[in-house]
Amino acid sequence: MDLQLIIVIILFLGALFYMGRLIYRSLKSKKGCASGCGKCGVDFSKIDTKKN
């Protein structure tokens, strides 16, 4: 195998690993329920709910 081909394969596998890690971390729920919608982590304490 050519040295350039080996370097390209290593870089490609590294990029695949990086993209897979980004996708996994974005879909993984950080806190709250496991649906991943994000509404469990919202802080509603600063929202004014008084109607005039």
C-alpha atoms as a PDB file:
ATOM      1  CA  MET A   1       0.000   0.000   0.000  1.00  0.00           C
ATOM      2  CA  ASP A   2       1.028   3.514  -0.703  1.00  0.00           C
ATOM      3  CA  LEU A   3       1.916   5.784   2.247  1.00  0.00           C
ATOM      4  CA  GLN A   4      -0.501   8.450   0.989  1.00  0.00           C
ATOM      5  CA  LEU A   5      -3.346   5.917   0.910  1.00  0.00           C
ATOM      6  CA  ILE A   6      -2.625   4.849   4.489  1.00  0.00           C
ATOM      7  CA  ILE A   7      -2.661   8.485   5.638  1.00  0.00           C
ATOM      8  CA  VAL A   8      -5.956   9.140   3.814  1.00  0.00           C
ATOM      9  CA  ILE A   9      -7.548   6.037   5.374  1.00  0.00           C
ATOM     10  CA  ILE A  10      -6.395   7.073   8.863  1.00  0.00           C
ATOM     11  CA  LEU A  11      -7.751  10.604   8.365  1.00  0.00           C
ATOM     12  CA  PHE A  12     -11.044   9.248   7.010  1.00  0.00           C
ATOM     13  CA  LEU A  13     -11.482   6.888   9.962  1.00  0.00           C
ATOM     14  CA  GLY A  14     -10.659   9.725  12.357  1.00  0.00           C
ATOM     15  CA  ALA A  15     -13.281  11.934  10.698  1.00  0.00           C
ATOM     16  CA  LEU A  16     -15.866   9.130  10.910  1.00  0.00           C
ATOM     17  CA  PHE A  17     -15.108   8.669  14.601  1.00  0.00           C
ATOM     18  CA  TYR A  18     -15.376  12.428  15.216  1.00  0.00           C
ATOM     19  CA  MET A  19     -18.716  12.746  13.384  1.00  0.00           C
ATOM     20  CA  GLY A  20     -20.115   9.665  15.112  1.00  0.00           C
ATOM     21  CA  ARG A  21     -19.113  11.085  18.484  1.00  0.00           C
ATOM     22  CA  LEU A  22     -20.783  14.422  17.688  1.00  0.00           C
ATOM     23  CA  ILE A  23     -24.012  12.718  16.639  1.00  0.00           C
ATOM     24  CA  TYR A  24     -24.009  10.425  19.677  1.00  0.00           C
ATOM     25  CA  ARG A  25     -23.427  13.296  22.101  1.00  0.00           C
ATOM     26  CA  SER A  26     -26.171  15.419  20.504  1.00  0.00           C
ATOM     27  CA  LEU A  27     -28.719  12.603  20.786  1.00  0.00           C
ATOM     28  CA  LYS A  28     -27.718  11.540  24.291  1.00  0.00           C
ATOM     29  CA  SER A  29     -29.996  12.972  26.982  1.00  0.00           C
ATOM     30  CA  LYS A  30     -28.018  15.044  29.468  1.00  0.00           C
ATOM     31  CA  LYS A  31     -30.668  15.250  32.159  1.00  0.00           C
ATOM     32  CA  GLY A  32     -34.355  14.681  32.543  1.00  0.00           C
ATOM     33  CA  CYS A  33     -36.268  12.156  30.536  1.00  0.00           C
ATOM     34  CA  ALA A  34     -34.761  10.068  27.764  1.00  0.00           C
ATOM     35  CA  SER A  35     -36.820  11.562  24.933  1.00  0.00           C
ATOM     36  CA  GLY A  36     -34.139  14.137  24.149  1.00  0.00           C
ATOM     37  CA  CYS A  37     -36.588  16.923  23.345  1.00  0.00           C
ATOM     38  CA  GLY A  38     -34.917  19.334  25.774  1.00  0.00           C
ATOM     39  CA  LYS A  39     -38.005  20.593  27.542  1.00  0.00           C
ATOM     40  CA  CYS A  40     -37.060  18.919  30.822  1.00  0.00           C
ATOM     41  CA  GLY A  41     -33.916  21.027  31.172  1.00  0.00           C
ATOM     42  CA  VAL A  42     -35.608  24.416  30.595  1.00  0.00           C
ATOM     43  CA  ASP A  43     -35.623  26.873  33.502  1.00  0.00           C
ATOM     44  CA  PHE A  44     -39.091  28.475  33.622  1.00  0.00           C
ATOM     45  CA  SER A  45     -38.455  30.421  36.843  1.00  0.00           C
ATOM     46  CA  LYS A  46     -37.586  33.678  35.021  1.00  0.00           C
ATOM     47  CA  ILE A  47     -40.657  33.708  32.769  1.00  0.00           C
ATOM     48  CA  ASP A  48     -43.360  36.208  33.753  1.00  0.00           C
ATOM     49  CA  THR A  49     -46.667  34.323  33.750  1.00  0.00           C
ATOM     50  CA  LYS A  50     -48.864  37.193  35.032  1.00  0.00           C
ATOM     51  CA  LYS A  51     -51.582  38.281  32.621  1.00  0.00           C
ATOM     52  CA  ASN A  52     -52.678  41.924  32.563  1.00  0.00           C
END
